[in-house]
Every structure is written in structure tokens, then in C-alpha cells.
Amino acid sequence: MKQLHVHILEAVDLPRTEFLSFSDLYMVLQISTSSAIQQTNVIEGTQNPIWDQDFHFSLMNQNQAVLCA
């Protein structure tokens, strides 16, 4: 079985979604051929979150797998 390794580093200048405060930001990752979902830590109080996190996915059929984030 093949493995996909994903490194999520950061996002820059994300648009505000709330008028008076910052959003609590995170990313959700899923492989199209699996129901397993992985999520970054929640970063509060910024529009420039730095996650610096690694994720690993097992690929059953690597030719049809798409990473959704």
C-alpha cells in the first residue's frame, strides 16, 4: 500500500469572515477514495495561520485518489 505525506505550512492574508473579530482557522484534509478526515490544529486570532503540521494518508488506489483540502 502506498502512502501520501502532506505538509501543511501556512496561509497568508486570508479574508476576514467576521466583522469585529478574527476567525478560528483550520484546514480539513480528505482523500477522495477514503472516508477518513484529518484536520490541522485550530489557530485563533490571526488571518495568517502557521500550522507546520504533517499528515499521512494510506492510498488504496493511487491512480484515482485526489486530496481535498
C-alpha atoms as a PDB file:
ATOM      1  CA  MET A   1       0.000   0.000   0.000  1.00  0.00           C
ATOM      2  CA  LYS A   2       1.319   3.452  -0.926  1.00  0.00           C
ATOM      3  CA  GLN A   3       1.490   6.409   1.460  1.00  0.00           C
ATOM      4  CA  LEU A   4       0.884  10.086   0.744  1.00  0.00           C
ATOM      5  CA  HIS A   5       2.696  12.514   3.034  1.00  0.00           C
ATOM      6  CA  VAL A   6       1.325  16.073   3.187  1.00  0.00           C
ATOM      7  CA  HIS A   7       2.942  19.019   4.961  1.00  0.00           C
ATOM      8  CA  ILE A   8       0.659  21.980   5.737  1.00  0.00           C
ATOM      9  CA  LEU A   9       2.784  25.029   6.454  1.00  0.00           C
ATOM     10  CA  GLU A  10       0.766  28.255   6.499  1.00  0.00           C
ATOM     11  CA  ALA A  11      -1.839  30.501   4.911  1.00  0.00           C
ATOM     12  CA  VAL A  12      -1.284  34.190   4.207  1.00  0.00           C
ATOM     13  CA  ASP A  13      -3.750  37.115   4.216  1.00  0.00           C
ATOM     14  CA  LEU A  14      -6.949  35.089   4.448  1.00  0.00           C
ATOM     15  CA  PRO A  15     -10.041  37.288   4.109  1.00  0.00           C
ATOM     16  CA  ARG A  16     -11.933  38.078   7.299  1.00  0.00           C
ATOM     17  CA  THR A  17     -15.269  36.345   7.657  1.00  0.00           C
ATOM     18  CA  GLU A  18     -16.303  38.109  10.859  1.00  0.00           C
ATOM     19  CA  PHE A  19     -16.627  41.891  11.098  1.00  0.00           C
ATOM     20  CA  LEU A  20     -15.316  42.620  14.592  1.00  0.00           C
ATOM     21  CA  SER A  21     -13.014  39.685  15.273  1.00  0.00           C
ATOM     22  CA  PHE A  22     -10.692  37.166  13.686  1.00  0.00           C
ATOM     23  CA  SER A  23     -11.839  33.695  12.694  1.00  0.00           C
ATOM     24  CA  ASP A  24     -10.537  30.499  14.284  1.00  0.00           C
ATOM     25  CA  LEU A  25      -8.767  28.936  11.309  1.00  0.00           C
ATOM     26  CA  TYR A  26      -8.059  25.307  10.457  1.00  0.00           C
ATOM     27  CA  MET A  27      -7.782  23.042   7.415  1.00  0.00           C
ATOM     28  CA  VAL A  28      -9.626  19.795   6.779  1.00  0.00           C
ATOM     29  CA  LEU A  29      -7.980  17.180   4.558  1.00  0.00           C
ATOM     30  CA  GLN A  30      -9.533  14.112   2.961  1.00  0.00           C
ATOM     31  CA  ILE A  31      -8.564  11.666   0.246  1.00  0.00           C
ATOM     32  CA  SER A  32     -11.358  11.185  -2.273  1.00  0.00           C
ATOM     33  CA  THR A  33     -11.137   7.388  -2.063  1.00  0.00           C
ATOM     34  CA  SER A  34     -11.469   7.302   1.745  1.00  0.00           C
ATOM     35  CA  SER A  35     -13.932   8.462   4.382  1.00  0.00           C
ATOM     36  CA  ALA A  36     -11.105   9.305   6.812  1.00  0.00           C
ATOM     37  CA  ILE A  37     -10.741  13.020   7.542  1.00  0.00           C
ATOM     38  CA  GLN A  38      -7.767  14.744   9.141  1.00  0.00           C
ATOM     39  CA  GLN A  39      -7.654  18.306  10.482  1.00  0.00           C
ATOM     40  CA  THR A  40      -4.968  20.793  11.453  1.00  0.00           C
ATOM     41  CA  ASN A  41      -4.889  22.446  14.844  1.00  0.00           C
ATOM     42  CA  VAL A  42      -7.175  25.470  15.246  1.00  0.00           C
ATOM     43  CA  ILE A  43      -5.240  28.749  15.127  1.00  0.00           C
ATOM     44  CA  GLU A  44      -7.046  31.621  16.848  1.00  0.00           C
ATOM     45  CA  GLY A  45      -6.802  35.374  16.390  1.00  0.00           C
ATOM     46  CA  THR A  46      -4.955  35.698  13.068  1.00  0.00           C
ATOM     47  CA  GLN A  47      -5.555  35.774   9.327  1.00  0.00           C
ATOM     48  CA  ASN A  48      -2.037  34.368   8.765  1.00  0.00           C
ATOM     49  CA  PRO A  49      -2.103  30.979  10.497  1.00  0.00           C
ATOM     50  CA  ILE A  50       1.042  28.870  10.718  1.00  0.00           C
ATOM     51  CA  TRP A  51       0.289  25.173  11.197  1.00  0.00           C
ATOM     52  CA  ASP A  52       3.578  23.448  10.243  1.00  0.00           C
ATOM     53  CA  GLN A  53       1.940  20.004  10.526  1.00  0.00           C
ATOM     54  CA  ASP A  54       2.437  16.678   8.746  1.00  0.00           C
ATOM     55  CA  PHE A  55      -0.308  14.287   7.681  1.00  0.00           C
ATOM     56  CA  HIS A  56      -0.129  10.754   6.292  1.00  0.00           C
ATOM     57  CA  PHE A  57      -2.711   9.008   4.162  1.00  0.00           C
ATOM     58  CA  SER A  58      -2.794   5.383   3.029  1.00  0.00           C
ATOM     59  CA  LEU A  59      -3.720   5.086  -0.632  1.00  0.00           C
ATOM     60  CA  MET A  60      -5.724   2.043  -1.710  1.00  0.00           C
ATOM     61  CA  ASN A  61      -5.898   3.105  -5.360  1.00  0.00           C
ATOM     62  CA  GLN A  62      -3.298   5.778  -6.009  1.00  0.00           C
ATOM     63  CA  ASN A  63      -4.401   6.366  -9.621  1.00  0.00           C
ATOM     64  CA  GLN A  64      -7.842   7.609  -8.545  1.00  0.00           C
ATOM     65  CA  ALA A  65      -7.027   9.377  -5.268  1.00  0.00           C
ATOM     66  CA  VAL A  66      -7.488  13.147  -5.021  1.00  0.00           C
ATOM     67  CA  LEU A  67      -6.521  15.212  -1.982  1.00  0.00           C
ATOM     68  CA  CYS A  68      -9.310  17.587  -0.954  1.00  0.00           C
ATOM     69  CA  ALA A  69      -8.384  20.448   1.383  1.00  0.00           C
END
